[in-house]
Amino acid sequence: MNPSLREKMILQTKCGIRQGSFDFSKEHIVEAMNGSLKRLRTDYVDVLLLHRPDALVEPEEVAEAFTILQNSGKVKYFGVSNQNPMQIELLTKFVKQKIVFNQLQFSITNTGMIDAGINVNMKIDPSINRDGSILDYCRLKEITIQPWSPFQYGFFQGVFLDNDKFPELNQKINEIAVAKGVTNTAIAIAWILRHPAECSPSSVPLTRAV
């Protein structure tokens, strides 16, 4: 890769999933990172994320792997995906590097992180806190949330934009898009960016300085 071009990019990769299971062992993290560097044809990445939680994680091994990768100059910053506050706290007890990012499902049609916060103390389904107040936790810890699949509804069930299953939602999105002179995808992303947590959807550049 052209060095001058590489410096203008922010490269992020993930590791931890292998053959349908999860593996946060030191050996796998280091091996997976070396494989990513080879495929990307670069000497380093800006961000490495642990892909979803590993129920058998030994945080001491994660700490060793992160230190090896940072000291060798192969990774600048570290993060996780789909982890709740206590899972992150367990890691940070051992990991010296700051957890900078957390990839979470969040979009106009996936609002669980918000629903629980605005329906506190109510006996309705939206009041159920399924993730340990991860939205507020990330704000407190200055962890940037990276919403994944910001145009999907459900769990990879399809795109909600221009989808007949969401007529009223799309009508409103399209009305705003026409008024603003932008695309419907821009409105869907703008809805996420409006939240003061300063989220960084996968479709746009990172927003918080690291």
Protein backbone atom coordinates (compact mmCIF):
# COMPACT_ATOMS: atom_id res chain seq x y z
CA MET A 1 0.00 0.00 0.00
CA ASN A 2 1.20 3.50 -0.85
CA PRO A 3 2.52 4.99 2.46
CA SER A 4 1.22 8.48 1.69
CA LEU A 5 -2.23 7.07 0.95
CA ARG A 6 -2.20 4.87 4.05
CA GLU A 7 -1.72 7.86 6.34
CA LYS A 8 -4.95 9.35 5.01
CA MET A 9 -6.97 6.29 5.98
CA ILE A 10 -8.42 4.93 9.20
CA LEU A 11 -8.29 1.15 9.01
CA GLN A 12 -10.27 -0.94 11.47
CA THR A 13 -10.55 -4.70 11.75
CA LYS A 14 -12.02 -7.25 14.15
CA CYS A 15 -11.05 -10.61 15.56
CA GLY A 16 -12.46 -13.23 17.91
CA ILE A 17 -14.89 -15.28 15.81
CA ARG A 18 -13.61 -18.56 14.37
CA GLN A 19 -15.55 -21.50 12.94
CA GLY A 20 -18.81 -20.47 14.59
CA SER A 21 -17.30 -19.95 18.05
CA PHE A 22 -15.51 -17.19 19.91
CA ASP A 23 -11.83 -17.09 20.80
CA PHE A 24 -10.20 -14.26 22.76
CA SER A 25 -7.01 -16.20 23.49
CA LYS A 26 -3.71 -14.40 23.15
CA GLU A 27 -2.61 -16.71 20.36
CA HIS A 28 -5.75 -16.19 18.29
CA ILE A 29 -5.83 -12.40 18.71
CA VAL A 30 -2.19 -12.04 17.63
CA GLU A 31 -2.53 -14.57 14.81
CA ALA A 32 -5.75 -13.00 13.52
CA MET A 33 -4.20 -9.55 13.59
CA ASN A 34 -1.17 -10.71 11.62
CA GLY A 35 -3.52 -12.29 9.08
CA SER A 36 -5.46 -9.05 8.71
CA LEU A 37 -2.28 -7.06 8.16
CA LYS A 38 -1.19 -9.48 5.45
CA ARG A 39 -4.53 -9.31 3.66
CA LEU A 40 -4.70 -5.52 3.98
CA ARG A 41 -1.08 -5.21 2.82
CA THR A 42 -0.19 -2.78 5.57
CA ASP A 43 2.08 -2.69 8.62
CA TYR A 44 -0.57 -1.53 11.08
CA VAL A 45 -4.25 -0.83 11.62
CA ASP A 46 -5.67 2.11 13.51
CA VAL A 47 -8.30 0.13 15.41
CA LEU A 48 -8.74 -3.52 16.46
CA LEU A 49 -12.07 -4.67 17.92
CA LEU A 50 -12.86 -7.85 19.81
CA HIS A 51 -15.83 -9.23 17.86
CA ARG A 52 -18.67 -9.96 20.31
CA PRO A 53 -18.10 -11.43 23.79
CA ASP A 54 -16.27 -14.68 24.45
CA ALA A 55 -17.95 -16.46 27.39
CA LEU A 56 -14.64 -18.18 28.18
CA VAL A 57 -12.52 -15.04 27.97
CA GLU A 58 -9.42 -14.85 30.12
CA PRO A 59 -8.82 -11.09 30.30
CA GLU A 60 -5.18 -11.56 31.24
CA GLU A 61 -4.60 -13.11 27.80
CA VAL A 62 -6.39 -10.26 26.07
CA ALA A 63 -4.16 -7.86 27.97
CA GLU A 64 -1.02 -9.68 26.85
CA ALA A 65 -2.17 -9.73 23.23
CA PHE A 66 -3.07 -6.02 23.22
CA THR A 67 0.32 -5.10 24.68
CA ILE A 68 2.15 -7.22 22.12
CA LEU A 69 0.24 -5.62 19.25
CA GLN A 70 0.62 -2.09 20.57
CA ASN A 71 4.32 -2.39 21.39
CA SER A 72 5.02 -3.85 17.95
CA GLY A 73 3.24 -0.91 16.33
CA LYS A 74 0.63 -3.12 14.67
CA VAL A 75 -2.41 -1.58 16.41
CA LYS A 76 -2.95 1.97 17.64
CA TYR A 77 -6.32 1.75 19.40
CA PHE A 78 -8.56 -0.99 20.75
CA GLY A 79 -12.26 -1.60 21.20
CA VAL A 80 -15.01 -4.22 21.43
CA SER A 81 -18.32 -5.05 19.83
CA ASN A 82 -21.65 -5.89 21.44
CA GLN A 83 -20.29 -5.90 24.98
CA ASN A 84 -22.13 -4.70 28.06
CA PRO A 85 -20.67 -2.55 30.85
CA MET A 86 -19.56 -5.41 33.10
CA GLN A 87 -17.86 -7.25 30.25
CA ILE A 88 -15.92 -4.11 29.44
CA GLU A 89 -15.12 -3.54 33.11
CA LEU A 90 -13.71 -7.06 33.34
CA LEU A 91 -11.42 -6.36 30.40
CA THR A 92 -10.30 -2.97 31.64
CA LYS A 93 -9.28 -4.44 34.99
CA PHE A 94 -6.42 -6.14 33.15
CA VAL A 95 -6.00 -4.34 29.83
CA LYS A 96 -3.70 -1.29 30.01
CA GLN A 97 -5.01 0.24 26.81
CA LYS A 98 -8.21 2.29 26.85
CA ILE A 99 -11.25 0.67 25.26
CA VAL A 100 -12.09 3.39 22.75
CA PHE A 101 -14.96 1.90 20.72
CA ASN A 102 -17.95 -0.39 21.15
CA GLN A 103 -19.90 -1.61 18.12
CA LEU A 104 -23.60 -1.89 18.96
CA GLN A 105 -26.81 -2.30 16.99
CA PHE A 106 -28.49 1.08 16.82
CA SER A 107 -30.72 2.66 14.18
CA ILE A 108 -34.17 4.17 13.71
CA THR A 109 -35.66 0.66 13.92
CA ASN A 110 -33.28 -0.69 16.58
CA THR A 111 -33.68 1.63 19.54
CA GLY A 112 -33.39 -0.69 22.53
CA MET A 113 -30.59 1.33 24.10
CA ILE A 114 -32.82 4.41 24.11
CA ASP A 115 -36.13 2.69 24.89
CA ALA A 116 -34.95 1.32 28.23
CA GLY A 117 -33.77 4.74 29.31
CA ILE A 118 -37.01 6.60 28.58
CA ASN A 119 -39.34 3.92 29.94
CA VAL A 120 -37.76 3.51 33.36
CA ASN A 121 -40.00 2.09 36.11
CA MET A 122 -42.76 1.10 33.70
CA LYS A 123 -44.29 -2.38 33.32
CA ILE A 124 -43.96 -2.50 29.54
CA ASP A 125 -41.57 -4.34 27.24
CA PRO A 126 -39.59 -1.23 26.15
CA SER A 127 -38.60 -0.66 29.79
CA ILE A 128 -36.60 -3.89 29.91
CA ASN A 129 -32.91 -3.11 30.22
CA ARG A 130 -31.27 -5.76 28.08
CA ASP A 131 -27.75 -4.38 27.93
CA GLY A 132 -26.89 -2.90 31.32
CA SER A 133 -27.42 0.74 30.28
CA ILE A 134 -24.58 0.45 27.78
CA LEU A 135 -25.49 3.74 26.11
CA ASP A 136 -25.03 5.75 29.30
CA TYR A 137 -22.00 3.69 30.29
CA CYS A 138 -20.22 4.46 27.02
CA ARG A 139 -20.94 8.15 27.43
CA LEU A 140 -19.57 8.12 30.97
CA LYS A 141 -16.43 6.26 29.90
CA GLU A 142 -16.01 8.27 26.68
CA ILE A 143 -16.28 5.14 24.56
CA THR A 144 -17.45 5.90 21.03
CA ILE A 145 -20.42 3.78 19.98
CA GLN A 146 -20.17 2.48 16.41
CA PRO A 147 -23.71 1.57 15.27
CA TRP A 148 -23.51 -1.44 12.98
CA SER A 149 -25.85 -2.01 10.04
CA PRO A 150 -27.53 1.40 10.52
CA PHE A 151 -30.00 0.73 7.67
CA GLN A 152 -31.05 -2.76 8.80
CA TYR A 153 -34.12 -3.71 10.82
CA GLY A 154 -34.24 -6.65 13.20
CA PHE A 155 -31.17 -8.87 13.13
CA PHE A 156 -30.10 -8.82 9.47
CA GLN A 157 -33.71 -9.10 8.29
CA GLY A 158 -33.23 -6.50 5.59
CA VAL A 159 -33.06 -2.76 4.96
CA PHE A 160 -35.91 -0.63 6.30
CA LEU A 161 -35.39 2.16 3.77
CA ASP A 162 -37.84 1.94 0.81
CA ASN A 163 -39.29 -1.17 2.43
CA ASP A 164 -43.06 -1.73 2.17
CA LYS A 165 -43.05 -3.07 5.75
CA PHE A 166 -42.38 0.47 7.03
CA PRO A 167 -44.65 2.77 4.98
CA GLU A 168 -45.16 5.53 7.55
CA LEU A 169 -41.50 5.62 8.54
CA ASN A 170 -40.34 5.84 4.95
CA GLN A 171 -42.92 8.47 4.11
CA LYS A 172 -41.60 10.69 6.88
CA ILE A 173 -37.95 10.01 6.04
CA ASN A 174 -38.56 10.80 2.37
CA GLU A 175 -40.44 14.00 3.23
CA ILE A 176 -37.50 15.23 5.29
CA ALA A 177 -35.01 14.13 2.63
CA VAL A 178 -36.83 16.10 -0.06
CA ALA A 179 -37.07 19.16 2.17
CA LYS A 180 -33.35 19.00 2.95
CA GLY A 181 -32.30 18.08 -0.57
CA VAL A 182 -30.50 14.91 0.51
CA THR A 183 -30.96 11.14 0.22
CA ASN A 184 -33.00 8.99 2.58
CA THR A 185 -29.79 7.29 3.72
CA ALA A 186 -28.47 10.70 4.82
CA ILE A 187 -31.56 11.20 6.98
CA ALA A 188 -31.18 7.75 8.56
CA ILE A 189 -27.57 8.51 9.44
CA ALA A 190 -28.45 12.04 10.63
CA TRP A 191 -30.98 10.52 13.05
CA ILE A 192 -28.17 8.54 14.68
CA LEU A 193 -25.72 11.44 14.69
CA ARG A 194 -28.28 13.68 16.42
CA HIS A 195 -27.81 11.71 19.63
CA PRO A 196 -25.37 13.48 21.99
CA ALA A 197 -23.43 10.25 22.51
CA GLU A 198 -21.56 11.23 19.31
CA CYS A 199 -21.99 7.84 17.68
CA SER A 200 -19.90 6.88 14.67
CA PRO A 201 -21.91 4.72 12.24
CA SER A 202 -19.94 2.40 10.03
CA SER A 203 -21.02 4.47 7.00
CA VAL A 204 -19.30 7.66 8.14
CA PRO A 205 -15.85 8.65 9.51
CA LEU A 206 -15.02 8.38 13.20
CA THR A 207 -16.32 11.43 15.06
CA ARG A 208 -14.50 11.42 18.36
CA ALA A 209 -10.81 12.17 18.59
CA VAL A 210 -8.77 9.31 20.01
